[in-house]
Protein backbone atom coordinates (compact mmCIF):
# COMPACT_ATOMS: atom_id res chain seq x y z
CA MET A 1 -8.80 -6.60 0.62
CA ALA A 2 -11.54 -7.52 3.01
CA GLU A 3 -11.85 -11.29 3.07
CA ASN A 4 -15.65 -11.28 3.23
CA VAL A 5 -15.95 -9.00 0.17
CA ALA A 6 -13.93 -11.42 -1.97
CA VAL A 7 -15.79 -14.46 -0.65
CA GLU A 8 -19.18 -12.88 -1.33
CA PHE A 9 -18.06 -11.94 -4.83
CA TRP A 10 -16.89 -15.47 -5.61
CA ARG A 11 -20.19 -16.87 -4.33
CA ARG A 12 -21.97 -14.72 -6.92
CA TRP A 13 -19.50 -15.42 -9.74
CA ILE A 14 -19.05 -19.18 -9.39
CA ASN A 15 -22.16 -21.19 -10.06
CA GLY A 16 -23.08 -24.53 -11.48
CA PRO A 17 -21.22 -27.73 -10.71
CA PHE A 18 -18.02 -26.00 -9.55
CA GLY A 19 -19.06 -25.36 -5.97
CA THR A 20 -15.74 -26.15 -4.31
CA TRP A 21 -13.19 -23.35 -4.31
CA VAL A 22 -10.51 -21.68 -2.23
CA VAL A 23 -9.80 -17.96 -1.84
CA PHE A 24 -6.34 -16.57 -1.12
CA GLU A 25 -5.38 -13.36 0.69
CA HIS A 26 -5.10 -11.12 -2.38
CA GLY A 27 -8.32 -12.28 -4.05
CA THR A 28 -7.17 -15.23 -6.13
CA CYS A 29 -9.68 -18.06 -6.31
CA VAL A 30 -8.82 -21.64 -7.21
CA VAL A 31 -11.75 -23.74 -8.35
CA LEU A 32 -11.38 -27.41 -7.46
CA ARG A 33 -13.14 -29.52 -10.08
CA GLU A 34 -12.01 -32.78 -8.49
CA PRO A 35 -11.86 -31.99 -4.76
CA GLN A 36 -9.58 -34.07 -2.59
CA ARG A 37 -9.46 -34.51 1.17
CA ASP A 38 -7.38 -31.39 2.05
CA LEU A 39 -8.92 -28.66 -0.10
CA ALA A 40 -6.63 -25.86 1.10
CA GLN A 41 -3.51 -27.89 0.37
CA GLN A 42 -4.84 -28.98 -3.02
CA ALA A 43 -5.43 -25.34 -3.95
CA ARG A 44 -2.00 -24.27 -2.64
CA LEU A 45 -0.28 -26.89 -4.79
CA LEU A 46 -2.24 -25.85 -7.88
CA LEU A 47 -1.56 -22.14 -7.32
CA ALA A 48 2.13 -22.69 -6.52
CA LYS A 49 2.55 -24.54 -9.82
CA TRP A 50 0.36 -22.46 -12.14
CA GLY A 51 0.06 -19.06 -10.44
CA PRO A 52 3.52 -17.46 -10.50
CA VAL A 53 4.01 -14.90 -13.24
CA TYR A 54 6.77 -15.36 -15.82
CA PRO A 55 6.38 -12.51 -18.36
CA GLY A 56 6.76 -13.60 -21.96
CA SER A 57 5.42 -17.08 -21.19
CA PRO A 58 1.90 -18.44 -20.79
CA HIS A 59 2.34 -17.76 -17.04
CA GLY A 60 2.21 -14.05 -17.87
CA ASP A 61 -0.94 -14.20 -19.97
CA PHE A 62 -4.26 -12.90 -18.71
CA ASN A 63 -7.78 -12.11 -19.81
CA VAL A 64 -10.22 -9.71 -18.15
CA GLN A 65 -13.77 -10.93 -17.70
CA THR A 66 -16.80 -8.87 -16.79
CA HIS A 67 -20.40 -9.38 -15.84
CA PRO A 68 -22.78 -6.84 -17.38
CA ALA A 69 -24.49 -6.10 -14.05
CA TRP A 70 -21.34 -5.75 -11.92
CA ARG A 71 -18.42 -3.33 -11.71
CA GLU A 72 -15.96 -5.94 -10.41
CA ARG A 73 -13.58 -7.69 -12.79
CA VAL A 74 -12.15 -11.19 -12.91
CA VAL A 75 -8.69 -11.75 -14.32
CA SER A 76 -8.15 -15.24 -15.65
CA CYS A 77 -4.88 -16.83 -16.66
CA HIS A 78 -3.49 -19.80 -18.56
CA HIS A 79 -5.04 -22.21 -16.06
CA PRO A 80 -8.86 -22.23 -16.33
CA ASP A 81 -9.39 -22.83 -12.62
CA ILE A 82 -7.31 -19.91 -11.32
CA LEU A 83 -9.04 -16.54 -11.26
CA CYS A 84 -8.32 -13.24 -9.56
CA TYR A 85 -10.85 -10.70 -8.27
CA VAL A 86 -10.28 -6.97 -8.89
CA THR A 87 -12.56 -4.53 -7.09
CA PRO A 88 -13.66 -1.21 -8.60
CA ASP A 89 -11.82 0.57 -5.77
CA GLU A 90 -8.49 -0.93 -6.85
CA VAL A 91 -8.39 0.72 -10.28
CA ASP A 92 -9.08 4.19 -11.60
CA GLU A 93 -12.49 4.72 -13.13
CA GLY A 94 -12.23 4.07 -16.83
CA ALA A 95 -9.13 1.88 -16.47
CA ASN A 96 -8.59 -0.27 -19.54
CA ASN A 97 -8.34 -4.05 -19.57
CA VAL A 98 -4.55 -3.99 -19.74
CA ALA A 99 -4.29 -2.04 -16.47
CA ILE A 100 -6.93 -4.23 -14.82
CA GLY A 101 -5.27 -7.41 -16.10
CA LEU A 102 -1.82 -6.37 -14.92
CA LEU A 103 -3.20 -5.66 -11.45
CA GLY A 104 -5.00 -9.01 -11.29
CA ARG A 105 -1.90 -10.80 -12.56
CA SER A 106 0.19 -9.09 -9.88
CA LYS A 107 -2.27 -10.14 -7.17
CA ARG A 108 -2.23 -13.72 -8.47
CA ASN A 109 1.57 -13.70 -8.38
CA LYS A 110 1.55 -12.52 -4.73
CA ASP A 111 -0.92 -15.22 -3.79
CA ALA A 112 1.13 -17.86 -5.66
CA HIS A 113 4.18 -16.98 -3.57
CA GLU A 114 2.51 -16.35 -0.19
CA LEU A 115 -0.12 -19.13 -0.46
CA LYS A 116 -2.23 -17.76 2.40
CA VAL A 117 -5.70 -19.32 2.27
CA VAL A 118 -8.47 -17.15 3.72
CA HIS A 119 -11.56 -19.20 2.81
CA VAL A 120 -12.55 -22.67 1.65
CA GLU A 121 -16.00 -23.18 0.13
CA THR A 122 -17.36 -26.66 -0.42
CA ALA A 123 -20.06 -27.71 -2.85
CA ALA A 124 -22.39 -28.42 0.07
CA GLU A 125 -22.01 -24.83 1.36
CA SER A 126 -22.54 -23.26 -2.05
CA THR A 127 -25.87 -25.03 -2.56
CA SER A 128 -27.34 -24.26 0.84
């Protein structure tokens, strides 16, 4: 996934008071409601704890979210501040929410194990 595509998507999706967030290589975004000094490390710790998938547990749960004006999908999980971006190009046209959710969950799991940060956005950047 092109880093800039995911970052631009998250800039559109995340609004309001949650302007500090971190994007990982496979499109997972961690929103930092109480930012600390090292934002990338804070996000890595959160994703390492809450991001790995364990089917049959809350760690395997997901929900697919949409925006009426966009074709992209967001797959949320049991932690409200961990979201994964799924592009229209990653799924077949007409794919159902289960297929989209499983893909997003898989991407989140990869990011939770690899923990490769590709972008950090601070509240100051998101309001400028």
